[in-house]
């Protein structure tokens, strides 16, 4: 049977929506907005982060809508998905401003912005927009790399410079770190920056408490997927061995969402690889779980035994 035009357009819309949902996904009904920023301009190792957002959206269609941990269908809170931003032919500075503008639009509408990258550079625009709305905000930065270089390969907006740009206007705490230059190590020491490397975290039983104590009440979370161990998440631009595990990372973030007010969130550096579909699905599943944690934050509790919707 031939589908009519409206049905065909509806099917196309569902394919382009996070989770493939065709209800609770309009702008008016939504409480959260997924923004796609497929920027890939300064990648220094494996190419493909520009395909990350579309790959995550596609994989998310295979994620069960019922969350087995939270005992609820998170999507019913309303999750809208915006079309991918178009960066072709534009300077990095312009791309960052475009992201800033889109996140600002979401914030002005009173909705939660969840940005999917693309290389880590995309976070600068989103963090800047959220900080303008919340000047007391702290950034929680989960990453294998410190990203503190002032400039790299001739650009201050390189993905290796993200936290250097953020530090110009907003305090931050980094966790999961296991790759940095000697200059970055010296900077962390001399400026007494709050950077928790993975070795420190695993040697201190109270690492989660220590990190959370350094965060303000209002935070933005940026998740570079290479914070996860490459045995779990090989599909990233610059994988580093010895990373966080699934439960280790999510248990920590669950606690952060329950104790702090999160005003912005991003997930970046997904780099789809042939034969590693499981990694892209893992990213999509993680995105949905974090959305669930975020919707729960106003309840001040994330008790797994309760459905809090």
C-alpha atoms as a PDB file:
ATOM      1  CA  UNK A   1       0.000   0.000   0.000  1.00  0.00           C
ATOM      2  CA  UNK A   2       1.380   3.423  -0.926  1.00  0.00           C
ATOM      3  CA  UNK A   3       1.678   5.796   2.031  1.00  0.00           C
ATOM      4  CA  UNK A   4       0.217   9.254   1.647  1.00  0.00           C
ATOM      5  CA  UNK A   5       2.533  12.264   1.868  1.00  0.00           C
ATOM      6  CA  UNK A   6       1.594  13.109   5.456  1.00  0.00           C
ATOM      7  CA  UNK A   7       2.307   9.568   6.638  1.00  0.00           C
ATOM      8  CA  UNK A   8       5.648   9.547   4.826  1.00  0.00           C
ATOM      9  CA  UNK A   9       6.634  12.863   6.393  1.00  0.00           C
ATOM     10  CA  UNK A  10       5.631  11.541   9.811  1.00  0.00           C
ATOM     11  CA  UNK A  11       7.825   8.484   9.364  1.00  0.00           C
ATOM     12  CA  UNK A  12      10.719  10.675   8.282  1.00  0.00           C
ATOM     13  CA  UNK A  13      10.216  12.883  11.339  1.00  0.00           C
ATOM     14  CA  UNK A  14      10.306   9.896  13.678  1.00  0.00           C
ATOM     15  CA  UNK A  15      13.571   8.695  12.120  1.00  0.00           C
ATOM     16  CA  UNK A  16      15.102  12.099  12.844  1.00  0.00           C
ATOM     17  CA  UNK A  17      13.822  12.305  16.423  1.00  0.00           C
ATOM     18  CA  UNK A  18      15.722  11.107  19.463  1.00  0.00           C
ATOM     19  CA  UNK A  19      14.230   7.682  20.345  1.00  0.00           C
ATOM     20  CA  UNK A  20      12.151   7.796  17.172  1.00  0.00           C
ATOM     21  CA  UNK A  21       9.211   9.089  19.172  1.00  0.00           C
ATOM     22  CA  UNK A  22       6.248  10.686  17.389  1.00  0.00           C
ATOM     23  CA  UNK A  23       4.427  11.827  20.519  1.00  0.00           C
ATOM     24  CA  UNK A  24       5.550  14.120  23.332  1.00  0.00           C
ATOM     25  CA  UNK A  25       8.166  15.410  20.909  1.00  0.00           C
ATOM     26  CA  UNK A  26       6.797  18.736  19.674  1.00  0.00           C
ATOM     27  CA  UNK A  27       8.376  22.017  20.698  1.00  0.00           C
ATOM     28  CA  UNK A  28       5.334  23.167  22.671  1.00  0.00           C
ATOM     29  CA  UNK A  29       4.933  19.886  24.575  1.00  0.00           C
ATOM     30  CA  UNK A  30       8.592  19.363  25.344  1.00  0.00           C
ATOM     31  CA  UNK A  31      10.440  19.995  28.582  1.00  0.00           C
ATOM     32  CA  UNK A  32      13.783  18.970  27.068  1.00  0.00           C
ATOM     33  CA  UNK A  33      15.262  19.782  23.660  1.00  0.00           C
ATOM     34  CA  UNK A  34      17.937  17.696  21.959  1.00  0.00           C
ATOM     35  CA  UNK A  35      20.197  19.871  19.798  1.00  0.00           C
ATOM     36  CA  UNK A  36      22.476  18.307  17.190  1.00  0.00           C
ATOM     37  CA  UNK A  37      25.840  19.964  16.542  1.00  0.00           C
ATOM     38  CA  UNK A  38      27.700  17.801  13.976  1.00  0.00           C
ATOM     39  CA  UNK A  39      30.852  19.916  14.035  1.00  0.00           C
ATOM     40  CA  UNK A  40      34.099  18.275  12.950  1.00  0.00           C
ATOM     41  CA  UNK A  41      36.789  20.821  12.202  1.00  0.00           C
ATOM     42  CA  UNK A  42      39.787  20.217  14.487  1.00  0.00           C
ATOM     43  CA  UNK A  43      39.822  16.443  14.999  1.00  0.00           C
ATOM     44  CA  UNK A  44      43.417  15.322  15.589  1.00  0.00           C
ATOM     45  CA  UNK A  45      43.167  11.520  15.406  1.00  0.00           C
ATOM     46  CA  UNK A  46      40.223   9.441  14.179  1.00  0.00           C
ATOM     47  CA  UNK A  47      37.790  11.202  11.881  1.00  0.00           C
ATOM     48  CA  UNK A  48      34.029  10.876  12.133  1.00  0.00           C
ATOM     49  CA  UNK A  49      32.738  12.982  15.023  1.00  0.00           C
ATOM     50  CA  UNK A  50      30.672  14.943  12.511  1.00  0.00           C
ATOM     51  CA  UNK A  51      28.567  11.796  12.079  1.00  0.00           C
ATOM     52  CA  UNK A  52      28.181  11.354  15.826  1.00  0.00           C
ATOM     53  CA  UNK A  53      24.840  13.129  16.392  1.00  0.00           C
ATOM     54  CA  UNK A  54      23.011  11.421  13.510  1.00  0.00           C
ATOM     55  CA  UNK A  55      24.441   8.017  14.506  1.00  0.00           C
ATOM     56  CA  UNK A  56      23.314   8.505  18.105  1.00  0.00           C
ATOM     57  CA  UNK A  57      19.831   9.573  16.986  1.00  0.00           C
ATOM     58  CA  UNK A  58      19.593   6.516  14.719  1.00  0.00           C
ATOM     59  CA  UNK A  59      20.777   4.126  17.453  1.00  0.00           C
ATOM     60  CA  UNK A  60      18.394   5.685  19.967  1.00  0.00           C
ATOM     61  CA  UNK A  61      15.480   4.269  17.963  1.00  0.00           C
ATOM     62  CA  UNK A  62      16.542   0.852  19.305  1.00  0.00           C
ATOM     63  CA  UNK A  63      16.578   1.982  22.962  1.00  0.00           C
ATOM     64  CA  UNK A  64      13.582   0.753  24.957  1.00  0.00           C
ATOM     65  CA  UNK A  65      11.378   3.639  26.046  1.00  0.00           C
ATOM     66  CA  UNK A  66      10.901   2.032  29.446  1.00  0.00           C
ATOM     67  CA  UNK A  67      13.986   2.690  31.584  1.00  0.00           C
ATOM     68  CA  UNK A  68      14.789  -0.442  33.572  1.00  0.00           C
ATOM     69  CA  UNK A  69      16.644   1.507  36.282  1.00  0.00           C
ATOM     70  CA  UNK A  70      14.262   4.423  36.716  1.00  0.00           C
ATOM     71  CA  UNK A  71      11.138   2.300  36.226  1.00  0.00           C
ATOM     72  CA  UNK A  72       9.526   4.868  33.963  1.00  0.00           C
ATOM     73  CA  UNK A  73       9.132   5.958  30.347  1.00  0.00           C
ATOM     74  CA  UNK A  74      11.301   9.057  30.474  1.00  0.00           C
ATOM     75  CA  UNK A  75      10.219  10.323  27.049  1.00  0.00           C
ATOM     76  CA  UNK A  76       6.706  11.069  28.355  1.00  0.00           C
ATOM     77  CA  UNK A  77       8.102  14.189  30.006  1.00  0.00           C
ATOM     78  CA  UNK A  78       8.447  15.602  26.487  1.00  0.00           C
ATOM     79  CA  UNK A  79      11.649  15.523  24.460  1.00  0.00           C
ATOM     80  CA  UNK A  80      11.852  17.550  21.260  1.00  0.00           C
ATOM     81  CA  UNK A  81      14.629  17.093  18.688  1.00  0.00           C
ATOM     82  CA  UNK A  82      15.882  19.970  16.566  1.00  0.00           C
ATOM     83  CA  UNK A  83      17.362  19.431  13.064  1.00  0.00           C
ATOM     84  CA  UNK A  84      21.166  19.277  12.859  1.00  0.00           C
ATOM     85  CA  UNK A  85      22.891  22.652  12.720  1.00  0.00           C
ATOM     86  CA  UNK A  86      24.745  23.419   9.507  1.00  0.00           C
ATOM     87  CA  UNK A  87      28.343  24.540   9.901  1.00  0.00           C
ATOM     88  CA  UNK A  88      29.759  24.080   6.409  1.00  0.00           C
ATOM     89  CA  UNK A  89      31.980  26.952   5.297  1.00  0.00           C
ATOM     90  CA  UNK A  90      31.777  28.797   8.617  1.00  0.00           C
ATOM     91  CA  UNK A  91      34.616  29.730  10.965  1.00  0.00           C
ATOM     92  CA  UNK A  92      34.912  27.992  14.328  1.00  0.00           C
ATOM     93  CA  UNK A  93      34.106  31.251  16.087  1.00  0.00           C
ATOM     94  CA  UNK A  94      30.904  31.540  14.059  1.00  0.00           C
ATOM     95  CA  UNK A  95      29.992  27.907  14.747  1.00  0.00           C
ATOM     96  CA  UNK A  96      30.400  28.448  18.485  1.00  0.00           C
ATOM     97  CA  UNK A  97      28.158  31.514  18.285  1.00  0.00           C
ATOM     98  CA  UNK A  98      25.504  29.578  16.338  1.00  0.00           C
ATOM     99  CA  UNK A  99      25.407  26.988  19.118  1.00  0.00           C
ATOM    100  CA  UNK A 100      25.238  29.746  21.723  1.00  0.00           C
ATOM    101  CA  UNK A 101      22.243  31.256  19.890  1.00  0.00           C
ATOM    102  CA  UNK A 102      20.368  27.943  19.628  1.00  0.00           C
ATOM    103  CA  UNK A 103      20.916  27.020  23.269  1.00  0.00           C
ATOM    104  CA  UNK A 104      19.845  30.526  24.286  1.00  0.00           C
ATOM    105  CA  UNK A 105      16.593  30.039  22.357  1.00  0.00           C
ATOM    106  CA  UNK A 106      15.943  26.790  24.234  1.00  0.00           C
ATOM    107  CA  UNK A 107      16.688  28.390  27.597  1.00  0.00           C
ATOM    108  CA  UNK A 108      14.421  31.365  26.895  1.00  0.00           C
ATOM    109  CA  UNK A 109      11.601  28.917  26.216  1.00  0.00           C
ATOM    110  CA  UNK A 110      12.128  27.437  29.680  1.00  0.00           C
ATOM    111  CA  UNK A 111      13.345  24.069  28.385  1.00  0.00           C
ATOM    112  CA  UNK A 112      16.326  21.852  29.212  1.00  0.00           C
ATOM    113  CA  UNK A 113      19.056  21.958  26.515  1.00  0.00           C
ATOM    114  CA  UNK A 114      20.790  18.635  25.758  1.00  0.00           C
ATOM    115  CA  UNK A 115      23.465  19.162  23.110  1.00  0.00           C
ATOM    116  CA  UNK A 116      24.839  16.225  21.116  1.00  0.00           C
ATOM    117  CA  UNK A 117      28.206  16.714  19.354  1.00  0.00           C
ATOM    118  CA  UNK A 118      30.322  16.657  17.253  1.00  0.00           C
ATOM    119  CA  UNK A 119      33.774  17.501  18.520  1.00  0.00           C
ATOM    120  CA  UNK A 120      34.175  18.932  22.016  1.00  0.00           C
ATOM    121  CA  UNK A 121      34.453  22.501  20.694  1.00  0.00           C
ATOM    122  CA  UNK A 122      30.643  22.587  20.540  1.00  0.00           C
ATOM    123  CA  UNK A 123      30.490  22.710  24.340  1.00  0.00           C
ATOM    124  CA  UNK A 124      31.944  26.225  24.472  1.00  0.00           C
ATOM    125  CA  UNK A 125      28.871  27.812  22.885  1.00  0.00           C
ATOM    126  CA  UNK A 126      26.417  25.838  24.998  1.00  0.00           C
ATOM    127  CA  UNK A 127      28.266  26.515  28.248  1.00  0.00           C
ATOM    128  CA  UNK A 128      28.531  30.210  27.409  1.00  0.00           C
ATOM    129  CA  UNK A 129      24.777  30.451  26.821  1.00  0.00           C
ATOM    130  CA  UNK A 130      23.944  28.658  30.070  1.00  0.00           C
ATOM    131  CA  UNK A 131      26.448  30.722  32.047  1.00  0.00           C
ATOM    132  CA  UNK A 132      24.868  33.940  30.792  1.00  0.00           C
ATOM    133  CA  UNK A 133      21.564  32.719  32.303  1.00  0.00           C
ATOM    134  CA  UNK A 134      23.239  31.363  35.447  1.00  0.00           C
ATOM    135  CA  UNK A 135      26.326  33.439  36.374  1.00  0.00           C
ATOM    136  CA  UNK A 136      26.916  31.297  39.490  1.00  0.00           C
ATOM    137  CA  UNK A 137      27.217  28.117  37.399  1.00  0.00           C
ATOM    138  CA  UNK A 138      30.037  25.563  37.680  1.00  0.00           C
ATOM    139  CA  UNK A 139      30.945  23.142  34.876  1.00  0.00           C
ATOM    140  CA  UNK A 140      31.436  19.447  35.611  1.00  0.00           C
ATOM    141  CA  UNK A 141      33.780  18.174  32.913  1.00  0.00           C
ATOM    142  CA  UNK A 142      34.062  14.399  32.365  1.00  0.00           C
ATOM    143  CA  UNK A 143      36.859  13.558  29.942  1.00  0.00           C
ATOM    144  CA  UNK A 144      40.007  11.526  29.383  1.00  0.00           C
ATOM    145  CA  UNK A 145      41.831  14.766  28.461  1.00  0.00           C
ATOM    146  CA  UNK A 146      42.258  18.045  30.295  1.00  0.00           C
ATOM    147  CA  UNK A 147      41.612  20.148  27.137  1.00  0.00           C
ATOM    148  CA  UNK A 148      43.487  23.070  28.729  1.00  0.00           C
ATOM    149  CA  UNK A 149      45.758  24.091  25.861  1.00  0.00           C
ATOM    150  CA  UNK A 150      45.395  27.788  25.087  1.00  0.00           C
ATOM    151  CA  UNK A 151      45.810  27.024  21.393  1.00  0.00           C
ATOM    152  CA  UNK A 152      46.384  23.835  19.431  1.00  0.00           C
ATOM    153  CA  UNK A 153      47.272  23.405  15.777  1.00  0.00           C
ATOM    154  CA  UNK A 154      46.839  27.144  15.324  1.00  0.00           C
ATOM    155  CA  UNK A 155      43.342  27.486  16.774  1.00  0.00           C
ATOM    156  CA  UNK A 156      42.087  28.619  20.199  1.00  0.00           C
ATOM    157  CA  UNK A 157      38.822  26.822  19.397  1.00  0.00           C
ATOM    158  CA  UNK A 158      40.460  23.424  18.847  1.00  0.00           C
ATOM    159  CA  UNK A 159      38.816  20.535  20.683  1.00  0.00           C
ATOM    160  CA  UNK A 160      41.962  20.376  22.860  1.00  0.00           C
ATOM    161  CA  UNK A 161      41.282  23.932  24.102  1.00  0.00           C
ATOM    162  CA  UNK A 162      37.696  23.614  25.324  1.00  0.00           C
ATOM    163  CA  UNK A 163      38.315  24.001  29.043  1.00  0.00           C
ATOM    164  CA  UNK A 164      40.836  26.785  28.463  1.00  0.00           C
ATOM    165  CA  UNK A 165      38.031  28.738  26.790  1.00  0.00           C
ATOM    166  CA  UNK A 166      35.509  27.817  29.502  1.00  0.00           C
ATOM    167  CA  UNK A 167      37.957  28.860  32.255  1.00  0.00           C
ATOM    168  CA  UNK A 168      37.914  32.395  30.831  1.00  0.00           C
ATOM    169  CA  UNK A 169      34.383  32.934  32.141  1.00  0.00           C
ATOM    170  CA  UNK A 170      33.306  29.998  34.324  1.00  0.00           C
ATOM    171  CA  UNK A 171      34.792  27.758  37.066  1.00  0.00           C
ATOM    172  CA  UNK A 172      34.997  24.029  36.397  1.00  0.00           C
ATOM    173  CA  UNK A 173      35.861  20.660  37.923  1.00  0.00           C
ATOM    174  CA  UNK A 174      37.328  17.938  35.695  1.00  0.00           C
ATOM    175  CA  UNK A 175      37.170  14.188  36.355  1.00  0.00           C
ATOM    176  CA  UNK A 176      38.318  10.989  34.659  1.00  0.00           C
ATOM    177  CA  UNK A 177      41.496  12.595  33.305  1.00  0.00           C
ATOM    178  CA  UNK A 178      44.308  10.327  32.123  1.00  0.00           C
ATOM    179  CA  UNK A 179      45.993  12.203  29.280  1.00  0.00           C
ATOM    180  CA  UNK A 180      47.642  15.649  29.411  1.00  0.00           C
ATOM    181  CA  UNK A 181      50.779  17.527  28.429  1.00  0.00           C
ATOM    182  CA  UNK A 182      53.506  18.608  30.825  1.00  0.00           C
ATOM    183  CA  UNK A 183      52.409  22.221  30.295  1.00  0.00           C
ATOM    184  CA  UNK A 184      48.858  21.340  31.304  1.00  0.00           C
ATOM    185  CA  UNK A 185      50.142  19.459  34.355  1.00  0.00           C
ATOM    186  CA  UNK A 186      52.146  22.529  35.400  1.00  0.00           C
ATOM    187  CA  UNK A 187      49.117  24.761  34.858  1.00  0.00           C
ATOM    188  CA  UNK A 188      46.939  22.536  37.040  1.00  0.00           C
ATOM    189  CA  UNK A 189      49.550  22.633  39.801  1.00  0.00           C
ATOM    190  CA  UNK A 190      50.388  26.345  39.714  1.00  0.00           C
ATOM    191  CA  UNK A 191      46.783  27.524  39.327  1.00  0.00           C
ATOM    192  CA  UNK A 192      45.451  24.874  41.741  1.00  0.00           C
ATOM    193  CA  UNK A 193      42.775  23.817  39.279  1.00  0.00           C
ATOM    194  CA  UNK A 194      40.220  21.226  40.315  1.00  0.00           C
ATOM    195  CA  UNK A 195      41.276  18.342  38.084  1.00  0.00           C
ATOM    196  CA  UNK A 196      40.793  14.749  39.250  1.00  0.00           C
ATOM    197  CA  UNK A 197      42.775  12.193  37.291  1.00  0.00           C
ATOM    198  CA  UNK A 198      41.581   8.611  37.148  1.00  0.00           C
ATOM    199  CA  UNK A 199      44.449   7.382  39.341  1.00  0.00           C
ATOM    200  CA  UNK A 200      43.545   9.859  42.068  1.00  0.00           C
ATOM    201  CA  UNK A 201      39.889   8.894  41.851  1.00  0.00           C
ATOM    202  CA  UNK A 202      40.644   5.192  42.231  1.00  0.00           C
ATOM    203  CA  UNK A 203      42.968   5.752  45.179  1.00  0.00           C
ATOM    204  CA  UNK A 204      40.501   7.901  47.121  1.00  0.00           C
ATOM    205  CA  UNK A 205      37.328   6.143  48.335  1.00  0.00           C
ATOM    206  CA  UNK A 206      35.645   9.526  48.786  1.00  0.00           C
ATOM    207  CA  UNK A 207      36.460  10.837  45.275  1.00  0.00           C
ATOM    208  CA  UNK A 208      32.813  11.389  44.367  1.00  0.00           C
ATOM    209  CA  UNK A 209      32.129  13.357  47.538  1.00  0.00           C
ATOM    210  CA  UNK A 210      35.279  15.408  46.992  1.00  0.00           C
ATOM    211  CA  UNK A 211      34.281  16.345  43.441  1.00  0.00           C
ATOM    212  CA  UNK A 212      30.695  17.180  44.348  1.00  0.00           C
ATOM    213  CA  UNK A 213      31.858  19.373  47.241  1.00  0.00           C
ATOM    214  CA  UNK A 214      33.752  21.568  44.762  1.00  0.00           C
ATOM    215  CA  UNK A 215      30.723  22.144  42.537  1.00  0.00           C
ATOM    216  CA  UNK A 216      28.357  25.038  43.067  1.00  0.00           C
ATOM    217  CA  UNK A 217      24.643  24.477  43.490  1.00  0.00           C
ATOM    218  CA  UNK A 218      24.024  25.171  39.781  1.00  0.00           C
ATOM    219  CA  UNK A 219      26.007  23.185  37.225  1.00  0.00           C
ATOM    220  CA  UNK A 220      26.450  22.351  33.566  1.00  0.00           C
ATOM    221  CA  UNK A 221      27.658  18.844  32.683  1.00  0.00           C
ATOM    222  CA  UNK A 222      29.834  18.138  29.657  1.00  0.00           C
ATOM    223  CA  UNK A 223      30.471  14.460  28.917  1.00  0.00           C
ATOM    224  CA  UNK A 224      33.242  13.613  26.476  1.00  0.00           C
ATOM    225  CA  UNK A 225      32.542   9.953  25.776  1.00  0.00           C
ATOM    226  CA  UNK A 226      36.240   9.117  25.926  1.00  0.00           C
ATOM    227  CA  UNK A 227      35.917   9.405  29.709  1.00  0.00           C
ATOM    228  CA  UNK A 228      34.648   5.826  29.403  1.00  0.00           C
ATOM    229  CA  UNK A 229      37.105   2.979  28.968  1.00  0.00           C
ATOM    230  CA  UNK A 230      37.612   2.115  25.264  1.00  0.00           C
ATOM    231  CA  UNK A 231      36.664  -1.505  25.970  1.00  0.00           C
ATOM    232  CA  UNK A 232      33.180  -0.063  26.509  1.00  0.00           C
ATOM    233  CA  UNK A 233      33.400   2.999  24.258  1.00  0.00           C
ATOM    234  CA  UNK A 234      35.879   2.515  21.375  1.00  0.00           C
ATOM    235  CA  UNK A 235      33.918   4.871  19.095  1.00  0.00           C
ATOM    236  CA  UNK A 236      35.579   8.151  20.072  1.00  0.00           C
ATOM    237  CA  UNK A 237      38.046  10.399  18.312  1.00  0.00           C
ATOM    238  CA  UNK A 238      40.870   9.956  20.834  1.00  0.00           C
ATOM    239  CA  UNK A 239      40.420   6.799  22.970  1.00  0.00           C
ATOM    240  CA  UNK A 240      42.508   6.377  26.124  1.00  0.00           C
ATOM    241  CA  UNK A 241      42.837   3.122  28.126  1.00  0.00           C
ATOM    242  CA  UNK A 242      41.956   2.955  31.800  1.00  0.00           C
ATOM    243  CA  UNK A 243      38.707   4.911  31.712  1.00  0.00           C
ATOM    244  CA  UNK A 244      35.539   4.834  33.778  1.00  0.00           C
ATOM    245  CA  UNK A 245      33.095   1.950  33.568  1.00  0.00           C
ATOM    246  CA  UNK A 246      29.373   2.156  32.809  1.00  0.00           C
ATOM    247  CA  UNK A 247      28.156   1.769  36.373  1.00  0.00           C
ATOM    248  CA  UNK A 248      30.986   3.820  37.872  1.00  0.00           C
ATOM    249  CA  UNK A 249      30.193   6.774  35.623  1.00  0.00           C
ATOM    250  CA  UNK A 250      26.410   6.598  35.854  1.00  0.00           C
ATOM    251  CA  UNK A 251      26.333   6.126  39.627  1.00  0.00           C
ATOM    252  CA  UNK A 252      28.425   9.264  39.975  1.00  0.00           C
ATOM    253  CA  UNK A 253      26.270  11.293  37.586  1.00  0.00           C
ATOM    254  CA  UNK A 254      23.108  10.024  39.230  1.00  0.00           C
ATOM    255  CA  UNK A 255      24.354  11.433  42.503  1.00  0.00           C
ATOM    256  CA  UNK A 256      25.279  14.752  40.870  1.00  0.00           C
ATOM    257  CA  UNK A 257      21.791  15.120  39.399  1.00  0.00           C
ATOM    258  CA  UNK A 258      20.212  14.343  42.765  1.00  0.00           C
ATOM    259  CA  UNK A 259      22.326  16.873  44.701  1.00  0.00           C
ATOM    260  CA  UNK A 260      22.749  19.736  42.221  1.00  0.00           C
ATOM    261  CA  UNK A 261      20.620  21.824  39.891  1.00  0.00           C
ATOM    262  CA  UNK A 262      21.681  20.941  36.340  1.00  0.00           C
ATOM    263  CA  UNK A 263      20.925  23.677  33.795  1.00  0.00           C
ATOM    264  CA  UNK A 264      22.665  22.284  30.716  1.00  0.00           C
ATOM    265  CA  UNK A 265      24.100  19.024  29.424  1.00  0.00           C
ATOM    266  CA  UNK A 266      26.111  17.855  26.461  1.00  0.00           C
ATOM    267  CA  UNK A 267      27.552  14.595  25.145  1.00  0.00           C
ATOM    268  CA  UNK A 268      30.371  14.868  22.626  1.00  0.00           C
ATOM    269  CA  UNK A 269      33.106  13.135  20.623  1.00  0.00           C
ATOM    270  CA  UNK A 270      31.127  10.103  19.465  1.00  0.00           C
ATOM    271  CA  UNK A 271      32.972   8.803  16.404  1.00  0.00           C
ATOM    272  CA  UNK A 272      31.064   5.906  14.745  1.00  0.00           C
ATOM    273  CA  UNK A 273      33.326   3.013  13.761  1.00  0.00           C
ATOM    274  CA  UNK A 274      32.622   0.061  11.436  1.00  0.00           C
ATOM    275  CA  UNK A 275      31.912  -3.025  13.511  1.00  0.00           C
ATOM    276  CA  UNK A 276      31.337  -1.051  16.721  1.00  0.00           C
ATOM    277  CA  UNK A 277      27.575  -0.488  16.614  1.00  0.00           C
ATOM    278  CA  UNK A 278      27.440  -1.510  20.276  1.00  0.00           C
ATOM    279  CA  UNK A 279      29.386   1.644  21.215  1.00  0.00           C
ATOM    280  CA  UNK A 280      26.959   3.968  19.431  1.00  0.00           C
ATOM    281  CA  UNK A 281      24.037   2.192  21.092  1.00  0.00           C
ATOM    282  CA  UNK A 282      25.795   2.555  24.450  1.00  0.00           C
ATOM    283  CA  UNK A 283      26.041   6.312  23.873  1.00  0.00           C
ATOM    284  CA  UNK A 284      22.334   6.484  22.999  1.00  0.00           C
ATOM    285  CA  UNK A 285      21.374   4.447  26.056  1.00  0.00           C
ATOM    286  CA  UNK A 286      23.527   6.680  28.239  1.00  0.00           C
ATOM    287  CA  UNK A 287      21.929   9.805  26.771  1.00  0.00           C
ATOM    288  CA  UNK A 288      18.455   8.493  27.595  1.00  0.00           C
ATOM    289  CA  UNK A 289      19.511   7.536  31.129  1.00  0.00           C
ATOM    290  CA  UNK A 290      20.953  11.007  31.745  1.00  0.00           C
ATOM    291  CA  UNK A 291      17.733  12.547  30.435  1.00  0.00           C
ATOM    292  CA  UNK A 292      15.892  10.450  33.014  1.00  0.00           C
ATOM    293  CA  UNK A 293      18.174  11.587  35.814  1.00  0.00           C
ATOM    294  CA  UNK A 294      17.660  15.184  34.733  1.00  0.00           C
ATOM    295  CA  UNK A 295      13.877  14.970  34.746  1.00  0.00           C
ATOM    296  CA  UNK A 296      14.088  13.507  38.244  1.00  0.00           C
ATOM    297  CA  UNK A 297      16.294  16.247  39.693  1.00  0.00           C
ATOM    298  CA  UNK A 298      13.425  18.422  40.930  1.00  0.00           C
ATOM    299  CA  UNK A 299      12.271  15.539  43.113  1.00  0.00           C
ATOM    300  CA  UNK A 300      15.595  15.683  45.054  1.00  0.00           C
ATOM    301  CA  UNK A 301      15.762  11.892  44.976  1.00  0.00           C
ATOM    302  CA  UNK A 302      16.711   9.130  42.576  1.00  0.00           C
ATOM    303  CA  UNK A 303      15.434   6.125  44.467  1.00  0.00           C
ATOM    304  CA  UNK A 304      15.539   3.206  42.001  1.00  0.00           C
ATOM    305  CA  UNK A 305      12.623   1.566  43.761  1.00  0.00           C
ATOM    306  CA  UNK A 306      10.235   4.384  42.938  1.00  0.00           C
ATOM    307  CA  UNK A 307       8.753   5.753  39.743  1.00  0.00           C
ATOM    308  CA  UNK A 308       8.924   9.480  40.375  1.00  0.00           C
ATOM    309  CA  UNK A 309       6.881  10.674  37.409  1.00  0.00           C
END
